[in-house]
């Protein structure tokens, strides 16, 4: 009789981003969203922690040239979502810092949301859930 397989436990570890300018991508998250940047790692890589979640930012791989960022919206991993208490206030704050507010703020059913455009086509959604 074969041994019974147990279901593995999966847990979130990180999001991996590629960028032509990893330092600019790291600054996007630290300057606008208050992420904590760790010292630059090997080969120009950055680790950024946002609300306890790890973002790994790496330069393009010279052996495997990167494709341009797809348009928005698109299929596949589309955006990073951040919760906020007041999407209008958050957008006003981000605009004062020079953020590109691509969509919104707007109502979507019981939610309010907005999208911020970052380097390399990265999109960040701000989501205000009903209270």
N, C-alpha and C. Protein backbone atom coordinates (compact mmCIF):
# COMPACT_ATOMS: atom_id res chain seq x y z
N UNK A 1 0.84 -1.18 0.00
CA UNK A 1 0.00 0.00 0.00
C UNK A 1 0.89 1.25 0.00
N UNK A 2 0.54 2.23 -0.82
CA UNK A 2 1.30 3.47 -0.91
C UNK A 2 1.03 4.36 0.30
N UNK A 3 2.05 5.08 0.77
CA UNK A 3 1.80 6.00 1.90
C UNK A 3 0.85 7.12 1.48
N UNK A 4 0.03 7.55 2.40
CA UNK A 4 -0.92 8.62 2.12
C UNK A 4 -0.18 9.96 2.07
N UNK A 5 -0.44 10.70 1.02
CA UNK A 5 0.20 12.02 0.86
C UNK A 5 -0.59 13.05 1.64
N UNK A 6 0.12 13.91 2.34
CA UNK A 6 -0.55 15.01 3.02
C UNK A 6 -0.55 16.23 2.11
N UNK A 7 -1.56 17.05 2.26
CA UNK A 7 -1.64 18.27 1.46
C UNK A 7 -0.61 19.26 1.98
N UNK A 8 0.24 19.78 1.09
CA UNK A 8 1.23 20.74 1.57
C UNK A 8 0.56 22.04 2.01
N UNK A 9 1.21 22.75 2.90
CA UNK A 9 0.73 24.05 3.37
C UNK A 9 1.40 25.12 2.52
N UNK A 10 0.59 25.93 1.87
CA UNK A 10 1.12 27.02 1.05
C UNK A 10 0.93 28.33 1.79
N UNK A 11 1.91 29.21 1.68
CA UNK A 11 1.81 30.51 2.33
C UNK A 11 2.44 31.56 1.40
N UNK A 12 1.93 32.75 1.51
CA UNK A 12 2.47 33.85 0.70
C UNK A 12 3.93 34.06 1.05
N UNK A 13 4.77 34.30 0.04
CA UNK A 13 6.17 34.60 0.28
C UNK A 13 6.55 35.95 -0.31
N UNK A 14 6.30 36.19 -1.58
CA UNK A 14 6.73 37.45 -2.19
C UNK A 14 6.06 37.67 -3.54
N UNK A 15 6.19 38.89 -4.04
CA UNK A 15 5.89 39.25 -5.41
C UNK A 15 7.24 39.64 -6.02
N UNK A 16 7.51 39.17 -7.24
CA UNK A 16 8.78 39.46 -7.90
C UNK A 16 8.51 40.38 -9.08
N UNK A 17 9.15 41.53 -9.08
CA UNK A 17 9.02 42.50 -10.16
C UNK A 17 10.34 42.64 -10.90
N UNK A 18 10.29 42.81 -12.19
CA UNK A 18 11.48 43.13 -12.98
C UNK A 18 11.36 44.57 -13.44
N UNK A 19 12.49 45.25 -13.48
CA UNK A 19 12.48 46.67 -13.87
C UNK A 19 13.77 47.03 -14.59
N UNK A 20 13.65 47.93 -15.56
CA UNK A 20 14.86 48.46 -16.19
C UNK A 20 15.68 49.24 -15.17
N UNK A 21 14.97 49.89 -14.22
CA UNK A 21 15.62 50.68 -13.18
C UNK A 21 15.06 50.23 -11.82
N UNK A 22 15.65 49.18 -11.24
CA UNK A 22 15.14 48.67 -9.97
C UNK A 22 15.13 49.71 -8.85
N UNK A 23 16.10 50.62 -8.85
CA UNK A 23 16.13 51.66 -7.81
C UNK A 23 14.90 52.56 -7.92
N UNK A 24 14.51 52.92 -9.14
CA UNK A 24 13.32 53.75 -9.33
C UNK A 24 12.06 53.01 -8.89
N UNK A 25 12.00 51.72 -9.18
CA UNK A 25 10.84 50.92 -8.76
C UNK A 25 10.78 50.86 -7.23
N UNK A 26 11.92 50.65 -6.60
CA UNK A 26 11.95 50.62 -5.13
C UNK A 26 11.51 51.97 -4.56
N UNK A 27 11.98 53.07 -5.16
CA UNK A 27 11.57 54.41 -4.70
C UNK A 27 10.07 54.64 -4.87
N UNK A 28 9.48 54.12 -5.94
CA UNK A 28 8.04 54.23 -6.15
C UNK A 28 7.30 53.69 -4.93
N UNK A 29 7.69 52.53 -4.46
CA UNK A 29 7.00 51.92 -3.32
C UNK A 29 7.37 52.58 -1.99
N UNK A 30 8.61 53.01 -1.84
CA UNK A 30 8.99 53.65 -0.56
C UNK A 30 8.47 55.07 -0.47
N UNK A 31 8.63 55.86 -1.53
CA UNK A 31 8.24 57.27 -1.49
C UNK A 31 6.73 57.46 -1.45
N UNK A 32 5.99 56.64 -2.20
CA UNK A 32 4.54 56.84 -2.28
C UNK A 32 3.77 56.06 -1.22
N UNK A 33 4.18 54.84 -0.94
CA UNK A 33 3.37 53.96 -0.11
C UNK A 33 4.00 53.63 1.25
N UNK A 34 5.13 54.24 1.56
CA UNK A 34 5.76 54.03 2.86
C UNK A 34 6.39 52.67 3.06
N UNK A 35 6.72 51.99 1.96
CA UNK A 35 7.39 50.69 2.08
C UNK A 35 8.79 50.89 2.64
N UNK A 36 9.33 49.85 3.20
CA UNK A 36 10.69 49.88 3.75
C UNK A 36 11.62 49.19 2.76
N UNK A 37 12.62 49.92 2.30
CA UNK A 37 13.60 49.34 1.38
C UNK A 37 14.78 48.81 2.18
N UNK A 38 15.18 47.62 1.86
CA UNK A 38 16.36 47.04 2.48
C UNK A 38 17.56 47.40 1.60
N UNK A 39 18.76 47.34 2.11
CA UNK A 39 19.92 47.73 1.30
C UNK A 39 19.95 46.97 -0.03
N UNK A 40 20.49 47.66 -1.04
CA UNK A 40 20.57 47.04 -2.36
C UNK A 40 21.31 45.72 -2.24
N UNK A 41 20.74 44.70 -2.85
CA UNK A 41 21.33 43.37 -2.79
C UNK A 41 22.28 43.13 -3.93
N UNK A 42 22.60 41.89 -4.14
CA UNK A 42 23.52 41.52 -5.21
C UNK A 42 22.91 41.81 -6.58
N UNK A 43 23.74 42.18 -7.50
CA UNK A 43 23.33 42.39 -8.89
C UNK A 43 22.23 43.43 -9.06
N UNK A 44 22.21 44.47 -8.21
CA UNK A 44 21.23 45.54 -8.37
C UNK A 44 19.82 45.18 -7.97
N UNK A 45 19.64 44.15 -7.16
CA UNK A 45 18.32 43.72 -6.71
C UNK A 45 17.93 44.46 -5.44
N UNK A 46 16.63 44.67 -5.27
CA UNK A 46 16.11 45.32 -4.07
C UNK A 46 15.06 44.44 -3.43
N UNK A 47 15.01 44.50 -2.11
CA UNK A 47 13.92 43.89 -1.35
C UNK A 47 13.19 45.03 -0.67
N UNK A 48 11.90 45.07 -0.85
CA UNK A 48 11.06 46.12 -0.29
C UNK A 48 9.95 45.43 0.49
N UNK A 49 9.71 45.89 1.71
CA UNK A 49 8.64 45.34 2.53
C UNK A 49 7.52 46.36 2.63
N UNK A 50 6.33 45.94 2.27
CA UNK A 50 5.15 46.79 2.31
C UNK A 50 4.10 46.10 3.16
N UNK A 51 3.80 46.68 4.32
CA UNK A 51 2.82 46.11 5.25
C UNK A 51 3.13 44.65 5.55
N UNK A 52 4.41 44.36 5.75
CA UNK A 52 4.84 43.01 6.10
C UNK A 52 4.97 42.06 4.92
N UNK A 53 4.67 42.54 3.71
CA UNK A 53 4.74 41.68 2.52
C UNK A 53 5.97 42.04 1.70
N UNK A 54 6.64 41.04 1.19
CA UNK A 54 7.90 41.21 0.50
C UNK A 54 7.70 41.40 -1.00
N UNK A 55 8.33 42.46 -1.53
CA UNK A 55 8.42 42.69 -2.97
C UNK A 55 9.89 42.56 -3.34
N UNK A 56 10.20 41.67 -4.25
CA UNK A 56 11.57 41.53 -4.76
C UNK A 56 11.62 42.26 -6.10
N UNK A 57 12.60 43.12 -6.25
CA UNK A 57 12.72 43.92 -7.48
C UNK A 57 14.09 43.62 -8.08
N UNK A 58 14.08 43.13 -9.31
CA UNK A 58 15.32 42.74 -9.97
C UNK A 58 15.45 43.43 -11.32
N UNK A 59 16.69 43.63 -11.76
CA UNK A 59 16.88 44.20 -13.10
C UNK A 59 16.55 43.15 -14.17
N UNK A 60 16.49 43.62 -15.40
CA UNK A 60 16.28 42.70 -16.52
C UNK A 60 17.40 41.68 -16.55
N UNK A 61 17.08 40.49 -16.98
CA UNK A 61 18.07 39.43 -17.11
C UNK A 61 18.65 39.51 -18.52
N UNK A 62 19.96 39.76 -18.65
CA UNK A 62 20.54 39.92 -19.98
C UNK A 62 20.44 38.65 -20.84
N UNK A 63 20.32 37.49 -20.22
CA UNK A 63 20.20 36.24 -20.98
C UNK A 63 18.79 36.01 -21.51
N UNK A 64 17.81 36.68 -20.90
CA UNK A 64 16.42 36.52 -21.28
C UNK A 64 15.78 37.91 -21.34
N UNK A 65 15.89 38.60 -22.47
CA UNK A 65 15.36 39.97 -22.56
C UNK A 65 13.87 40.02 -22.21
N UNK A 66 13.50 41.04 -21.47
CA UNK A 66 12.12 41.20 -21.02
C UNK A 66 11.25 41.76 -22.13
N UNK A 67 10.02 41.34 -22.13
CA UNK A 67 9.02 41.89 -23.03
C UNK A 67 8.52 43.20 -22.44
N UNK A 68 8.00 44.11 -23.26
CA UNK A 68 7.43 45.34 -22.69
C UNK A 68 6.22 45.01 -21.83
N UNK A 69 5.92 45.90 -20.90
CA UNK A 69 4.76 45.71 -20.03
C UNK A 69 3.49 45.70 -20.87
N UNK A 70 2.54 44.84 -20.53
CA UNK A 70 1.29 44.82 -21.28
C UNK A 70 0.44 46.05 -20.96
N UNK A 71 -0.54 46.30 -21.81
CA UNK A 71 -1.49 47.38 -21.54
C UNK A 71 -2.36 47.04 -20.33
N UNK A 72 -3.12 48.00 -19.88
CA UNK A 72 -3.97 47.80 -18.71
C UNK A 72 -5.41 48.03 -19.13
N UNK A 73 -6.32 47.18 -18.79
CA UNK A 73 -6.17 45.93 -18.06
C UNK A 73 -5.69 44.81 -18.98
N UNK A 74 -5.24 43.71 -18.38
CA UNK A 74 -4.76 42.57 -19.15
C UNK A 74 -4.98 41.30 -18.36
N UNK A 75 -4.82 40.18 -19.02
CA UNK A 75 -4.95 38.89 -18.34
C UNK A 75 -3.67 38.59 -17.58
N UNK A 76 -3.76 37.76 -16.58
CA UNK A 76 -2.61 37.40 -15.76
C UNK A 76 -2.52 38.32 -14.56
N UNK A 77 -1.38 38.35 -13.91
CA UNK A 77 -1.19 39.21 -12.75
C UNK A 77 -1.31 40.66 -13.21
N UNK A 78 -2.34 41.33 -12.75
CA UNK A 78 -2.66 42.64 -13.30
C UNK A 78 -2.23 43.81 -12.41
N UNK A 79 -2.41 43.68 -11.12
CA UNK A 79 -2.07 44.80 -10.24
C UNK A 79 -1.84 44.32 -8.81
N UNK A 80 -1.29 45.21 -8.00
CA UNK A 80 -1.12 44.98 -6.57
C UNK A 80 -2.20 45.82 -5.88
N UNK A 81 -2.96 45.22 -5.00
CA UNK A 81 -4.04 45.93 -4.31
C UNK A 81 -3.64 46.31 -2.89
N UNK A 82 -3.85 47.58 -2.54
CA UNK A 82 -3.58 48.07 -1.19
C UNK A 82 -4.88 48.61 -0.60
N UNK A 83 -5.20 48.21 0.61
CA UNK A 83 -6.37 48.71 1.29
C UNK A 83 -6.09 50.06 1.94
N UNK A 84 -7.07 50.94 1.89
CA UNK A 84 -6.98 52.25 2.55
C UNK A 84 -8.31 52.55 3.22
N UNK A 85 -8.28 53.42 4.23
CA UNK A 85 -9.51 53.82 4.91
C UNK A 85 -10.30 54.84 4.10
N UNK A 86 -9.59 55.72 3.37
CA UNK A 86 -10.24 56.80 2.62
C UNK A 86 -9.50 56.96 1.30
N UNK A 87 -10.05 56.42 0.22
CA UNK A 87 -9.36 56.43 -1.06
C UNK A 87 -9.19 57.86 -1.59
N UNK A 88 -10.15 58.74 -1.33
CA UNK A 88 -10.03 60.12 -1.81
C UNK A 88 -8.86 60.83 -1.14
N UNK A 89 -8.75 60.68 0.17
CA UNK A 89 -7.64 61.30 0.91
C UNK A 89 -6.31 60.69 0.48
N UNK A 90 -6.30 59.37 0.28
CA UNK A 90 -5.06 58.71 -0.15
C UNK A 90 -4.62 59.22 -1.52
N UNK A 91 -5.57 59.39 -2.43
CA UNK A 91 -5.23 59.89 -3.77
C UNK A 91 -4.73 61.33 -3.71
N UNK A 92 -5.37 62.15 -2.88
CA UNK A 92 -4.91 63.54 -2.74
C UNK A 92 -3.48 63.56 -2.22
N UNK A 93 -3.18 62.72 -1.23
CA UNK A 93 -1.83 62.65 -0.67
C UNK A 93 -0.83 62.19 -1.75
N UNK A 94 -1.19 61.13 -2.48
CA UNK A 94 -0.29 60.60 -3.50
C UNK A 94 -0.08 61.60 -4.63
N UNK A 95 -1.14 62.31 -5.03
CA UNK A 95 -0.99 63.34 -6.06
C UNK A 95 -0.03 64.43 -5.62
N UNK A 96 -0.07 64.79 -4.33
CA UNK A 96 0.84 65.81 -3.82
C UNK A 96 2.29 65.35 -3.89
N UNK A 97 2.49 64.03 -3.94
CA UNK A 97 3.84 63.46 -4.05
C UNK A 97 4.23 63.21 -5.52
N UNK A 98 3.31 63.54 -6.45
CA UNK A 98 3.62 63.38 -7.86
C UNK A 98 3.17 62.07 -8.47
N UNK A 99 2.33 61.31 -7.78
CA UNK A 99 1.87 60.02 -8.30
C UNK A 99 0.99 60.22 -9.54
N UNK A 100 1.02 59.25 -10.42
CA UNK A 100 0.17 59.22 -11.61
C UNK A 100 -1.10 58.45 -11.25
N UNK A 101 -2.18 59.18 -10.96
CA UNK A 101 -3.47 58.55 -10.66
C UNK A 101 -4.09 58.22 -12.02
N UNK A 102 -4.04 56.95 -12.40
CA UNK A 102 -4.47 56.54 -13.72
C UNK A 102 -5.99 56.41 -13.83
N UNK A 103 -6.64 55.96 -12.76
CA UNK A 103 -8.09 55.75 -12.75
C UNK A 103 -8.61 56.14 -11.38
N UNK A 104 -9.68 56.93 -11.36
CA UNK A 104 -10.37 57.23 -10.11
C UNK A 104 -9.86 58.47 -9.42
N UNK A 105 -10.28 58.60 -8.17
CA UNK A 105 -11.10 57.67 -7.40
C UNK A 105 -12.52 57.59 -7.95
N UNK A 106 -13.11 56.39 -7.80
CA UNK A 106 -14.46 56.17 -8.28
C UNK A 106 -15.16 55.12 -7.43
N UNK A 107 -16.49 55.09 -7.56
CA UNK A 107 -17.30 54.09 -6.85
C UNK A 107 -17.43 52.86 -7.73
N UNK A 108 -17.31 51.70 -7.11
CA UNK A 108 -17.53 50.42 -7.78
C UNK A 108 -18.40 49.58 -6.85
N UNK A 109 -19.71 49.73 -7.00
CA UNK A 109 -20.62 49.09 -6.06
C UNK A 109 -20.46 49.73 -4.70
N UNK A 110 -20.24 48.93 -3.67
CA UNK A 110 -20.07 49.44 -2.31
C UNK A 110 -18.64 49.90 -2.04
N UNK A 111 -17.75 49.70 -2.99
CA UNK A 111 -16.34 50.03 -2.81
C UNK A 111 -16.00 51.37 -3.46
N UNK A 112 -14.90 51.98 -3.00
CA UNK A 112 -14.27 53.11 -3.71
C UNK A 112 -12.88 52.65 -4.06
N UNK A 113 -12.43 53.03 -5.24
CA UNK A 113 -11.12 52.57 -5.66
C UNK A 113 -10.45 53.56 -6.59
N UNK A 114 -9.16 53.36 -6.76
CA UNK A 114 -8.35 54.14 -7.69
C UNK A 114 -7.16 53.27 -8.09
N UNK A 115 -6.56 53.61 -9.23
CA UNK A 115 -5.36 52.92 -9.68
C UNK A 115 -4.24 53.92 -9.88
N UNK A 116 -3.07 53.57 -9.36
CA UNK A 116 -1.86 54.39 -9.47
C UNK A 116 -0.94 53.69 -10.46
N UNK A 117 -0.45 54.44 -11.45
CA UNK A 117 0.48 53.87 -12.44
C UNK A 117 1.90 54.11 -11.96
N UNK A 118 2.68 53.02 -11.93
CA UNK A 118 4.07 53.10 -11.52
C UNK A 118 5.01 52.81 -12.67
N UNK A 119 6.30 52.71 -12.37
CA UNK A 119 7.29 52.39 -13.41
C UNK A 119 7.00 51.03 -14.05
N UNK A 120 7.43 50.89 -15.29
CA UNK A 120 7.37 49.61 -16.01
C UNK A 120 5.94 49.08 -16.16
N UNK A 121 4.95 49.95 -16.08
CA UNK A 121 3.57 49.51 -16.24
C UNK A 121 2.95 48.89 -15.01
N UNK A 122 3.65 48.90 -13.88
CA UNK A 122 3.09 48.35 -12.63
C UNK A 122 1.90 49.20 -12.21
N UNK A 123 0.80 48.54 -11.87
CA UNK A 123 -0.39 49.24 -11.40
C UNK A 123 -0.65 48.84 -9.95
N UNK A 124 -1.00 49.84 -9.14
CA UNK A 124 -1.35 49.63 -7.74
C UNK A 124 -2.77 50.13 -7.55
N UNK A 125 -3.63 49.24 -7.08
CA UNK A 125 -5.01 49.62 -6.78
C UNK A 125 -5.11 50.05 -5.32
N UNK A 126 -5.82 51.13 -5.09
CA UNK A 126 -6.19 51.53 -3.74
C UNK A 126 -7.65 51.16 -3.57
N UNK A 127 -7.98 50.42 -2.53
CA UNK A 127 -9.33 49.92 -2.33
C UNK A 127 -9.84 50.31 -0.95
N UNK A 128 -10.97 51.00 -0.94
CA UNK A 128 -11.65 51.35 0.31
C UNK A 128 -12.88 50.46 0.41
N UNK A 129 -12.87 49.56 1.38
CA UNK A 129 -14.00 48.65 1.59
C UNK A 129 -15.06 49.34 2.43
N UNK A 130 -16.31 48.95 2.25
CA UNK A 130 -17.37 49.57 3.07
C UNK A 130 -17.17 49.23 4.55
N UNK A 131 -17.56 50.15 5.39
CA UNK A 131 -17.41 49.92 6.84
C UNK A 131 -18.64 49.35 7.43
